[in-house]
Amino acid sequence: MKALVVDPDRSARAVVKRLLSHVNVDVIEADNGLIALNALEQADPDFVVVEIDMPILTGPDCLAAIRQSPVRPDIPVIVISASGTRENVHRMVALGVADFLLKPINPVEVLPRIKNLLIRVAQWRQRQSSRSINSLLIVDNDPNFMAFAKPLLDSTFEILEAGSSTGAAITYRDASPKPTVVCLAEGLPLMNEDLLVDVIRKMAIESGSNPPQFFLLSKTAEVPPDKAARYAGFVRKSFIPQTFVDEFRRIVLREQSPYERLRHIVREGLRSELVTATQQTIGVMIGSEIEELGEGEGADGPTGVLAELSQLDTASGVSLRTIIMSGRSEVERMASQIVRRPITFEEGANEVVGELANTIAGRMRACLMSRGFDLKMGLPEIRTQAEGEPVETGFDLTAGFRCSSGELFQVALHVKQVSPGLGMLGGATETRVDADVPVDSAPAAPAAPAAPTAAPVAGPAEAQAQQSVDDVLF
């Protein structure tokens, strides 16, 4: 595994380099942001460690350029700085960071966090690989249909095949990269196709992969609504080549509407990113651990305050709402911890929770840019619910959390289809429409950076820094 360490201070780079050597991570060094961007393209590191205060291109500017890159905008980034000001923390967290380390670095404290990061880095690499190859797993116990369908599809997909449900589960488990599409025949014996969908989806989540899209290979043109709801679509099996290929292209290879694509991504692929963004954003701001609750645990938590921010694709009219829900007293206590003084809802606690919603929404935007969505950020809006008013439900993704000081809150994501072309100014009215518009274009790449310079020879300060890490760790 490789890390790109960016810091104008050679001895500081040496401390990080020595620390990473204890977890078998090779280091590429850069002393400014421009050289770092060039090294990112040339060396393809697995994660980046960057200092905030740098000449030529600051840490936040360097990170912003990485996040706008179409190549690896979601690469994990660790920020290091001697300055823990709220402004610096907020800006870097909004751009999406894996961790924020304050100098001087304490190896005993930091090493466990680095080890946890390496797990997320491995998952990020796996997602990168999964996006690079469009692979298809076909599950059917009819060898005649398998022999018929495979030659028709192997020019579009890398084909994996299984003749049974158990064989399919093992094939999916061992595949690298994981299949992005799974087609299951209707009427599989032993473990039926519906249960197999649940098994593969669980395996995908546990391995850190995005769950594939599931399609049903049906013998008839009609599928019961409750069964059809489990699949992204169904393809009628036919032994007439052109009929089957046309049906397959129309159902499986069709360009999904932006609304359908975004909803699938949010429901199936954003939970870990939402949890990480929430724990880092609120945890860093409050200065304490944020615990994720079990599924459904936070549903009975306090309510009454909703801080939300909408992001919009103006071309297609797809909107993503990011919502923080909690009680009034909980919001006041969290805001008081952030501003380091007692503060009431009327005195600005509402604005603080709006800022949290804004930051988490920014993290979600960065995640979605790597998946082809460039959403325009709106403004935070704070709403209070009257006593007895029904609590909003029906979100596409919800996660519950508890602060170490006891406050409970929920964070939710909700995809909506609004009228194309609407501006997103605060609480813009969202009008449902049926028509879909082609997806937006990919973000522009950053300007080409300067060529790297030769790495400096280690001096006395660097040697002393390396020795200090060893002294602490061993």
Protein backbone atom coordinates (compact mmCIF):
# COMPACT_ATOMS: atom_id res chain seq x y z
CA MET A 1 0.00 0.00 0.00
CA LYS A 2 1.22 3.53 -0.84
CA ALA A 3 0.59 6.91 0.78
CA LEU A 4 1.28 10.38 -0.57
CA VAL A 5 2.51 12.60 2.29
CA VAL A 6 2.37 16.34 1.56
CA ASP A 7 4.05 18.76 3.99
CA PRO A 8 6.59 21.56 3.47
CA ASP A 9 8.33 20.50 6.72
CA ARG A 10 10.78 17.67 5.97
CA SER A 11 10.97 16.53 9.61
CA ALA A 12 7.16 16.41 9.84
CA ARG A 13 7.08 14.22 6.72
CA ALA A 14 9.69 11.99 8.34
CA VAL A 15 7.49 11.48 11.42
CA VAL A 16 4.54 10.43 9.26
CA LYS A 17 6.75 8.28 7.03
CA ARG A 18 8.21 6.44 10.00
CA LEU A 19 4.77 5.97 11.52
CA LEU A 20 3.40 4.49 8.29
CA SER A 21 6.38 2.18 7.93
CA HIS A 22 5.16 0.32 11.03
CA VAL A 23 1.97 -0.66 9.15
CA ASN A 24 3.85 -1.57 5.93
CA VAL A 25 2.83 1.52 3.96
CA ASP A 26 5.30 2.95 1.44
CA VAL A 27 5.49 6.74 1.25
CA ILE A 28 5.77 9.17 -1.66
CA GLU A 29 6.74 12.65 -0.48
CA ALA A 30 5.80 16.11 -1.75
CA ASP A 31 6.59 19.48 -0.20
CA ASN A 32 3.75 21.47 -1.78
CA GLY A 33 0.29 21.02 -3.28
CA LEU A 34 1.25 21.31 -6.94
CA ILE A 35 3.84 18.57 -6.70
CA ALA A 36 1.29 16.51 -4.76
CA LEU A 37 -1.30 16.73 -7.56
CA ASN A 38 1.26 15.58 -10.09
CA ALA A 39 2.36 12.71 -7.83
CA LEU A 40 -1.28 11.72 -7.38
CA GLU A 41 -1.58 11.16 -11.13
CA GLN A 42 1.82 9.52 -11.62
CA ALA A 43 2.15 7.30 -8.55
CA ASP A 44 -1.52 6.33 -7.94
CA PRO A 45 -1.32 6.26 -4.09
CA ASP A 46 -3.93 4.55 -1.93
CA PHE A 47 -4.44 7.55 0.36
CA VAL A 48 -3.11 11.05 0.98
CA VAL A 49 -1.80 12.80 4.11
CA VAL A 50 -1.78 16.58 3.66
CA GLU A 51 -0.81 19.60 5.78
CA ILE A 52 -3.20 22.57 5.80
CA ASP A 53 -0.57 25.34 5.77
CA MET A 54 1.52 25.08 2.59
CA PRO A 55 3.01 27.48 0.06
CA ILE A 56 1.88 27.73 -3.58
CA LEU A 57 -1.24 25.61 -3.06
CA THR A 58 -2.72 25.30 0.42
CA GLY A 59 -4.03 22.06 1.87
CA PRO A 60 -7.71 23.03 1.39
CA ASP A 61 -7.02 24.12 -2.20
CA CYS A 62 -5.12 20.89 -2.88
CA LEU A 63 -7.98 18.83 -1.45
CA ALA A 64 -10.55 20.81 -3.43
CA ALA A 65 -8.62 20.01 -6.64
CA ILE A 66 -8.55 16.31 -5.72
CA ARG A 67 -12.30 16.28 -5.08
CA GLN A 68 -12.96 17.90 -8.49
CA SER A 69 -10.79 15.39 -10.34
CA PRO A 70 -12.68 12.88 -12.50
CA VAL A 71 -9.96 10.26 -11.88
CA ARG A 72 -10.00 9.62 -8.10
CA PRO A 73 -12.16 12.29 -6.42
CA ASP A 74 -13.05 10.05 -3.47
CA ILE A 75 -9.52 8.95 -2.47
CA PRO A 76 -9.19 8.89 1.36
CA VAL A 77 -7.36 11.96 2.72
CA ILE A 78 -5.91 12.57 6.20
CA VAL A 79 -5.33 16.19 7.21
CA ILE A 80 -2.56 17.20 9.62
CA SER A 81 -2.11 20.65 11.10
CA ALA A 82 -0.83 22.52 14.11
CA SER A 83 -3.95 24.70 13.86
CA GLY A 84 -7.24 23.24 15.03
CA THR A 85 -9.33 26.35 14.40
CA ARG A 86 -13.01 25.85 13.71
CA GLU A 87 -12.69 27.48 10.28
CA ASN A 88 -9.93 25.10 9.15
CA VAL A 89 -11.65 22.03 10.53
CA HIS A 90 -15.00 22.97 8.99
CA ARG A 91 -13.55 23.64 5.54
CA MET A 92 -11.54 20.41 5.39
CA VAL A 93 -14.35 18.26 6.79
CA ALA A 94 -16.73 19.78 4.23
CA LEU A 95 -14.38 18.64 1.46
CA GLY A 96 -14.34 15.11 2.84
CA VAL A 97 -11.48 13.89 5.01
CA ALA A 98 -10.88 10.46 6.52
CA ASP A 99 -9.27 11.90 9.67
CA PHE A 100 -7.91 15.15 11.13
CA LEU A 101 -4.65 14.92 13.12
CA LEU A 102 -3.21 17.73 15.23
CA LYS A 103 0.54 18.34 15.47
CA PRO A 104 2.63 17.34 17.28
CA ILE A 105 1.55 13.83 16.29
CA ASN A 106 1.34 11.32 19.13
CA PRO A 107 2.23 7.93 17.57
CA VAL A 108 0.56 5.89 20.33
CA GLU A 109 -2.73 7.74 19.80
CA VAL A 110 -2.55 7.98 16.01
CA LEU A 111 -1.41 4.47 15.05
CA PRO A 112 -4.76 2.74 15.86
CA ARG A 113 -6.55 5.38 13.79
CA ILE A 114 -4.18 4.72 10.89
CA LYS A 115 -4.90 0.99 11.10
CA ASN A 116 -8.65 1.66 10.95
CA LEU A 117 -8.09 3.92 7.96
CA LEU A 118 -6.27 1.15 6.09
CA ILE A 119 -9.44 -0.95 6.24
CA ARG A 120 -11.41 1.86 4.57
CA VAL A 121 -8.61 2.33 2.03
CA ALA A 122 -8.87 -1.33 1.03
CA GLN A 123 -12.63 -0.93 0.60
CA TRP A 124 -12.09 2.21 -1.52
CA ARG A 125 -9.68 0.32 -3.77
CA GLN A 126 -12.23 -2.43 -4.18
CA ARG A 127 -14.90 0.08 -5.22
CA GLN A 128 -12.46 1.56 -7.72
CA SER A 129 -11.91 -1.89 -9.24
CA SER A 130 -15.63 -2.64 -9.31
CA ARG A 131 -16.32 0.50 -11.32
CA SER A 132 -13.60 -0.26 -13.86
CA ILE A 133 -15.02 -3.59 -15.12
CA ASN A 134 -18.70 -4.15 -15.92
CA SER A 135 -19.18 -7.75 -14.81
CA LEU A 136 -22.34 -9.86 -14.89
CA LEU A 137 -23.24 -12.94 -12.83
CA ILE A 138 -25.92 -15.17 -14.43
CA VAL A 139 -27.57 -17.73 -12.15
CA ASP A 140 -29.67 -20.40 -13.89
CA ASN A 141 -29.93 -24.17 -13.44
CA ASP A 142 -30.85 -24.61 -17.13
CA PRO A 143 -27.53 -25.35 -18.92
CA ASN A 144 -29.19 -24.92 -22.34
CA PHE A 145 -30.20 -21.33 -21.60
CA MET A 146 -26.78 -20.56 -20.11
CA ALA A 147 -25.09 -21.85 -23.28
CA PHE A 148 -27.52 -19.75 -25.35
CA ALA A 149 -27.24 -16.46 -23.42
CA LYS A 150 -23.52 -16.26 -22.63
CA PRO A 151 -22.23 -15.73 -26.22
CA LEU A 152 -24.87 -13.02 -26.76
CA LEU A 153 -23.68 -11.00 -23.76
CA ASP A 154 -19.92 -11.56 -23.48
CA SER A 155 -19.12 -8.63 -25.79
CA THR A 156 -20.75 -6.26 -23.26
CA PHE A 157 -19.94 -7.91 -19.93
CA GLU A 158 -17.31 -10.04 -18.28
CA ILE A 159 -19.53 -13.07 -17.64
CA LEU A 160 -19.58 -15.16 -14.48
CA GLU A 161 -22.02 -18.06 -14.30
CA ALA A 162 -23.49 -20.36 -11.68
CA GLY A 163 -25.95 -23.23 -11.99
CA SER A 164 -27.23 -23.08 -8.41
CA SER A 165 -27.91 -20.58 -5.63
CA THR A 166 -25.11 -21.89 -3.43
CA GLY A 167 -22.72 -21.82 -6.37
CA ALA A 168 -23.78 -18.24 -7.08
CA ALA A 169 -23.13 -17.16 -3.48
CA ILE A 170 -19.64 -18.72 -3.57
CA THR A 171 -18.90 -17.22 -7.01
CA TYR A 172 -19.91 -13.76 -5.79
CA ARG A 173 -17.90 -14.12 -2.59
CA ASP A 174 -14.72 -15.09 -4.44
CA ALA A 175 -15.08 -12.66 -7.37
CA SER A 176 -12.65 -9.75 -7.67
CA PRO A 177 -13.91 -7.29 -8.67
CA LYS A 178 -17.46 -8.03 -7.58
CA PRO A 179 -20.14 -8.32 -10.31
CA THR A 180 -22.05 -5.09 -10.81
CA VAL A 181 -25.12 -6.87 -12.24
CA VAL A 182 -26.69 -10.19 -11.16
CA CYS A 183 -29.38 -11.93 -13.26
CA LEU A 184 -31.24 -14.72 -11.46
CA ALA A 185 -33.56 -17.24 -13.10
CA GLU A 186 -37.03 -17.63 -11.67
CA GLY A 187 -37.63 -20.87 -9.75
CA LEU A 188 -34.14 -21.65 -8.42
CA PRO A 189 -34.16 -24.82 -6.23
CA LEU A 190 -33.04 -25.09 -2.58
CA MET A 191 -32.35 -21.40 -1.89
CA ASN A 192 -34.81 -19.49 -4.06
CA GLU A 193 -33.87 -16.38 -6.04
CA ASP A 194 -35.43 -13.93 -3.54
CA LEU A 195 -33.38 -15.32 -0.65
CA LEU A 196 -30.26 -15.34 -2.85
CA VAL A 197 -30.74 -11.60 -3.46
CA ASP A 198 -30.71 -11.01 0.31
CA VAL A 199 -27.62 -13.20 0.77
CA ILE A 200 -25.59 -11.48 -1.96
CA ARG A 201 -26.65 -8.04 -0.80
CA LYS A 202 -25.48 -8.85 2.73
CA MET A 203 -22.18 -10.24 1.43
CA ALA A 204 -21.61 -7.08 -0.59
CA ILE A 205 -22.18 -4.79 2.40
CA GLU A 206 -19.94 -6.89 4.67
CA SER A 207 -17.13 -6.81 2.08
CA GLY A 208 -17.38 -3.01 1.68
CA SER A 209 -18.68 -3.23 -1.91
CA ASN A 210 -21.68 -1.50 -3.39
CA PRO A 211 -24.48 -4.12 -3.79
CA PRO A 212 -25.05 -5.10 -7.44
CA GLN A 213 -28.25 -4.49 -9.36
CA PHE A 214 -30.48 -7.56 -9.45
CA PHE A 215 -32.59 -8.58 -12.46
CA LEU A 216 -35.01 -11.49 -12.68
CA LEU A 217 -34.94 -13.89 -15.65
CA SER A 218 -38.63 -14.75 -15.95
CA LYS A 219 -40.39 -17.43 -18.01
CA THR A 220 -43.45 -15.20 -18.43
CA ALA A 221 -44.12 -11.58 -19.31
CA GLU A 222 -45.83 -10.95 -15.97
CA VAL A 223 -44.28 -11.00 -12.49
CA PRO A 224 -46.30 -10.47 -9.26
CA PRO A 225 -45.87 -6.87 -7.99
CA ASP A 226 -44.48 -7.93 -4.59
CA LYS A 227 -41.80 -10.03 -6.31
CA ALA A 228 -41.01 -7.42 -9.00
CA ALA A 229 -40.38 -4.84 -6.26
CA ARG A 230 -37.27 -6.77 -5.15
CA TYR A 231 -35.56 -6.37 -8.52
CA ALA A 232 -34.33 -3.52 -10.71
CA GLY A 233 -36.25 -5.15 -13.59
CA PHE A 234 -37.13 -8.49 -15.16
CA VAL A 235 -36.18 -9.98 -18.51
CA ARG A 236 -38.36 -12.57 -20.22
CA LYS A 237 -36.36 -15.67 -21.19
CA SER A 238 -36.45 -16.38 -24.92
CA PHE A 239 -34.42 -18.65 -27.18
CA ILE A 240 -34.82 -16.27 -30.11
CA PRO A 241 -31.46 -14.44 -30.11
CA GLN A 242 -32.60 -11.01 -31.30
CA THR A 243 -35.68 -11.04 -29.07
CA PHE A 244 -33.61 -11.85 -25.97
CA VAL A 245 -30.86 -9.34 -26.79
CA ASP A 246 -33.38 -6.55 -27.45
CA GLU A 247 -35.17 -7.30 -24.18
CA PHE A 248 -31.90 -7.47 -22.25
CA ARG A 249 -30.65 -4.19 -23.68
CA ARG A 250 -33.94 -2.45 -22.98
CA ILE A 251 -34.21 -3.64 -19.37
CA VAL A 252 -30.64 -4.13 -18.11
CA LEU A 253 -28.49 -1.91 -20.31
CA ARG A 254 -30.94 0.97 -20.51
CA GLU A 255 -29.73 4.31 -19.25
CA GLN A 256 -31.62 4.67 -16.00
CA SER A 257 -33.25 8.00 -15.30
CA PRO A 258 -31.21 10.25 -12.99
CA TYR A 259 -33.89 9.84 -10.33
CA GLU A 260 -33.69 6.02 -10.46
CA ARG A 261 -29.87 6.02 -10.48
CA LEU A 262 -29.56 8.45 -7.57
CA ARG A 263 -32.16 6.63 -5.51
CA HIS A 264 -30.39 3.30 -6.07
CA ILE A 265 -27.02 4.79 -5.10
CA VAL A 266 -28.43 6.37 -1.92
CA ARG A 267 -30.30 3.24 -0.83
CA GLU A 268 -27.60 0.69 -1.66
CA GLY A 269 -24.25 2.46 -1.60
CA LEU A 270 -24.14 5.52 0.68
CA ARG A 271 -24.77 4.23 4.19
CA SER A 272 -21.11 3.82 5.18
CA GLU A 273 -20.26 7.24 3.69
CA LEU A 274 -23.17 8.89 5.54
CA VAL A 275 -22.16 7.30 8.86
CA THR A 276 -18.50 8.27 8.43
CA ALA A 277 -19.36 11.84 7.38
CA THR A 278 -21.69 12.27 10.37
CA GLN A 279 -19.26 10.83 12.91
CA GLN A 280 -16.38 12.93 11.61
CA THR A 281 -18.31 16.17 11.13
CA ILE A 282 -20.14 16.23 14.45
CA GLY A 283 -17.44 14.33 16.33
CA VAL A 284 -14.72 16.79 15.29
CA MET A 285 -16.93 19.82 15.96
CA ILE A 286 -18.08 18.61 19.39
CA GLY A 287 -14.76 16.99 20.26
CA SER A 288 -16.20 13.63 21.31
CA GLU A 289 -17.10 10.21 19.92
CA ILE A 290 -20.33 9.76 17.97
CA GLU A 291 -21.82 6.25 18.21
CA GLU A 292 -23.93 4.81 15.41
CA LEU A 293 -27.08 3.14 16.73
CA GLY A 294 -28.43 -0.15 15.46
CA GLU A 295 -30.92 -0.13 12.60
CA GLY A 296 -34.19 1.40 13.82
CA GLU A 297 -32.78 2.30 17.27
CA GLY A 298 -32.86 6.04 16.69
CA ALA A 299 -36.46 6.04 15.44
CA ASP A 300 -37.85 6.65 18.95
CA GLY A 301 -35.40 9.45 19.71
CA PRO A 302 -36.33 13.07 20.41
CA THR A 303 -37.91 15.08 17.59
CA GLY A 304 -39.09 18.61 17.00
CA VAL A 305 -36.22 20.17 15.04
CA LEU A 306 -35.29 19.44 11.43
CA ALA A 307 -32.22 20.98 9.81
CA GLU A 308 -32.17 20.21 6.12
CA LEU A 309 -30.34 21.17 2.98
CA SER A 310 -31.36 20.31 -0.58
CA GLN A 311 -29.01 19.73 -3.50
CA LEU A 312 -30.29 19.87 -7.06
CA ASP A 313 -29.34 18.66 -10.52
CA THR A 314 -30.87 21.56 -12.42
CA ALA A 315 -30.88 19.71 -15.76
CA SER A 316 -32.87 16.65 -14.67
CA GLY A 317 -34.64 18.05 -11.64
CA VAL A 318 -33.34 15.39 -9.23
CA SER A 319 -33.02 16.63 -5.66
CA LEU A 320 -31.25 15.11 -2.63
CA ARG A 321 -32.33 16.28 0.82
CA THR A 322 -29.93 15.86 3.77
CA ILE A 323 -31.80 16.10 7.08
CA ILE A 324 -30.72 16.17 10.73
CA MET A 325 -33.56 15.42 13.16
CA SER A 326 -33.42 15.82 16.93
CA GLY A 327 -35.10 17.52 19.87
CA ARG A 328 -34.79 21.18 20.78
CA SER A 329 -32.84 20.60 24.01
CA GLU A 330 -30.51 18.13 22.24
CA VAL A 331 -29.79 20.69 19.52
CA GLU A 332 -29.04 23.34 22.14
CA ARG A 333 -26.64 21.03 24.04
CA MET A 334 -24.78 19.97 20.88
CA ALA A 335 -24.50 23.59 19.71
CA SER A 336 -23.21 24.66 23.14
CA GLN A 337 -20.43 22.07 22.93
CA ILE A 338 -19.47 23.29 19.46
CA VAL A 339 -19.30 27.02 20.30
CA ARG A 340 -17.84 26.25 23.77
CA ARG A 341 -20.48 28.26 25.68
CA PRO A 342 -24.14 27.82 26.63
CA ILE A 343 -26.39 28.78 23.73
CA THR A 344 -30.16 28.59 23.22
CA PHE A 345 -32.11 27.84 20.07
CA GLU A 346 -33.01 31.52 19.61
CA GLU A 347 -29.42 32.66 20.24
CA GLY A 348 -28.00 30.67 17.34
CA ALA A 349 -28.18 26.94 18.14
CA ASN A 350 -30.43 26.60 15.09
CA GLU A 351 -27.74 28.12 12.88
CA VAL A 352 -25.09 25.76 14.28
CA VAL A 353 -27.14 22.64 13.47
CA GLY A 354 -27.81 24.12 10.02
CA GLU A 355 -24.05 24.38 9.57
CA LEU A 356 -23.72 20.69 10.49
CA ALA A 357 -26.35 19.76 7.90
CA ASN A 358 -24.49 21.88 5.34
CA THR A 359 -21.20 20.10 6.05
CA ILE A 360 -22.66 16.58 5.93
CA ALA A 361 -24.48 17.47 2.70
CA GLY A 362 -21.15 18.64 1.27
CA ARG A 363 -19.61 15.27 2.09
CA MET A 364 -22.50 13.50 0.35
CA ARG A 365 -22.02 15.74 -2.68
CA ALA A 366 -18.32 14.76 -2.85
CA CYS A 367 -19.29 11.06 -2.70
CA LEU A 368 -21.85 11.48 -5.48
CA MET A 369 -19.46 13.37 -7.77
CA SER A 370 -17.45 10.16 -8.13
CA ARG A 371 -20.65 8.44 -9.22
CA GLY A 372 -21.56 10.92 -11.94
CA PHE A 373 -23.76 13.43 -10.06
CA ASP A 374 -22.70 17.07 -9.71
CA LEU A 375 -25.44 18.54 -7.51
CA LYS A 376 -25.80 22.24 -6.73
CA MET A 377 -25.89 23.08 -3.04
CA GLY A 378 -28.78 25.04 -1.59
CA LEU A 379 -28.95 26.80 1.77
CA PRO A 380 -29.68 25.17 5.15
CA GLU A 381 -33.25 25.48 6.36
CA ILE A 382 -34.30 24.92 9.99
CA ARG A 383 -37.85 23.79 10.71
CA THR A 384 -39.58 23.12 14.02
CA GLN A 385 -42.46 20.74 14.48
CA ALA A 386 -45.44 21.60 16.64
CA GLU A 387 -46.40 19.20 19.43
CA GLY A 388 -48.56 16.44 18.00
CA GLU A 389 -47.45 17.11 14.42
CA PRO A 390 -46.64 13.78 12.69
CA VAL A 391 -42.95 13.02 12.30
CA GLU A 392 -41.76 12.87 8.69
CA THR A 393 -40.98 9.37 7.39
CA GLY A 394 -40.34 7.66 4.06
CA PHE A 395 -36.67 8.58 3.72
CA ASP A 396 -34.43 6.58 1.38
CA LEU A 397 -31.68 6.21 4.01
CA THR A 398 -31.75 6.88 7.77
CA ALA A 399 -29.08 6.40 10.46
CA GLY A 400 -29.37 7.04 14.20
CA PHE A 401 -26.56 8.36 16.42
CA ARG A 402 -25.72 9.08 20.07
CA CYS A 403 -23.15 11.59 21.31
CA SER A 404 -20.87 10.50 24.16
CA SER A 405 -22.70 13.08 26.31
CA GLY A 406 -26.02 11.35 25.58
CA GLU A 407 -27.71 13.42 22.85
CA LEU A 408 -29.65 11.39 20.27
CA PHE A 409 -30.22 12.44 16.67
CA GLN A 410 -30.94 11.00 13.23
CA VAL A 411 -29.51 11.84 9.81
CA ALA A 412 -31.56 11.01 6.72
CA LEU A 413 -31.25 11.23 2.94
CA HIS A 414 -34.27 11.60 0.67
CA VAL A 415 -34.28 11.63 -3.15
CA LYS A 416 -37.04 13.59 -4.89
CA GLN A 417 -37.92 14.41 -8.47
CA VAL A 418 -38.60 18.12 -8.93
CA SER A 419 -39.27 20.31 -11.93
CA PRO A 420 -36.13 20.62 -14.12
CA GLY A 421 -34.56 24.07 -14.11
CA LEU A 422 -35.76 25.15 -10.65
CA GLY A 423 -33.33 27.25 -8.66
CA MET A 424 -32.42 25.94 -5.23
CA LEU A 425 -32.67 28.94 -2.93
CA GLY A 426 -33.40 27.88 0.62
CA GLY A 427 -36.80 26.22 0.76
CA ALA A 428 -37.63 26.12 -2.96
CA THR A 429 -40.94 24.39 -3.67
CA GLU A 430 -40.47 20.93 -5.14
CA THR A 431 -42.98 19.86 -7.81
CA ARG A 432 -43.17 16.20 -8.88
CA VAL A 433 -42.90 15.56 -12.61
CA ASP A 434 -42.88 12.31 -14.56
CA ALA A 435 -40.45 13.12 -17.36
CA ASP A 436 -36.75 12.31 -16.98
CA VAL A 437 -33.88 14.25 -18.48
CA PRO A 438 -30.44 12.81 -19.55
CA VAL A 439 -27.79 12.76 -16.87
CA ASP A 440 -25.42 15.60 -16.27
CA SER A 441 -21.84 15.66 -17.48
CA ALA A 442 -18.78 14.70 -15.44
CA PRO A 443 -16.86 17.42 -13.54
CA ALA A 444 -13.92 19.11 -15.21
CA ALA A 445 -10.39 18.01 -14.39
CA PRO A 446 -8.06 20.39 -12.54
CA ALA A 447 -5.29 22.27 -14.32
CA ALA A 448 -2.10 20.30 -14.98
CA PRO A 449 0.33 20.71 -12.06
CA ALA A 450 4.04 21.32 -12.13
CA ALA A 451 6.52 18.44 -12.54
CA PRO A 452 7.85 16.84 -9.35
CA THR A 453 11.30 17.58 -8.04
CA ALA A 454 13.81 15.10 -6.69
CA ALA A 455 13.27 13.95 -3.12
CA PRO A 456 15.68 15.64 -0.65
CA VAL A 457 18.33 13.66 1.16
CA ALA A 458 17.49 12.85 4.78
CA GLY A 459 19.15 15.23 7.19
CA PRO A 460 19.73 15.26 10.98
CA ALA A 461 16.22 16.61 11.71
CA GLU A 462 14.63 13.82 9.70
CA ALA A 463 16.73 11.15 11.37
CA GLN A 464 15.84 12.55 14.79
CA ALA A 465 12.12 12.53 13.90
CA GLN A 466 12.29 8.91 12.77
CA GLN A 467 14.05 7.91 15.97
CA SER A 468 11.42 9.69 18.10
CA VAL A 469 8.62 7.63 16.55
CA ASP A 470 10.49 4.40 17.26
CA ASP A 471 11.12 5.50 20.85
CA VAL A 472 7.41 6.01 21.46
CA LEU A 473 6.16 2.89 19.68
CA PHE A 474 8.74 0.39 20.89
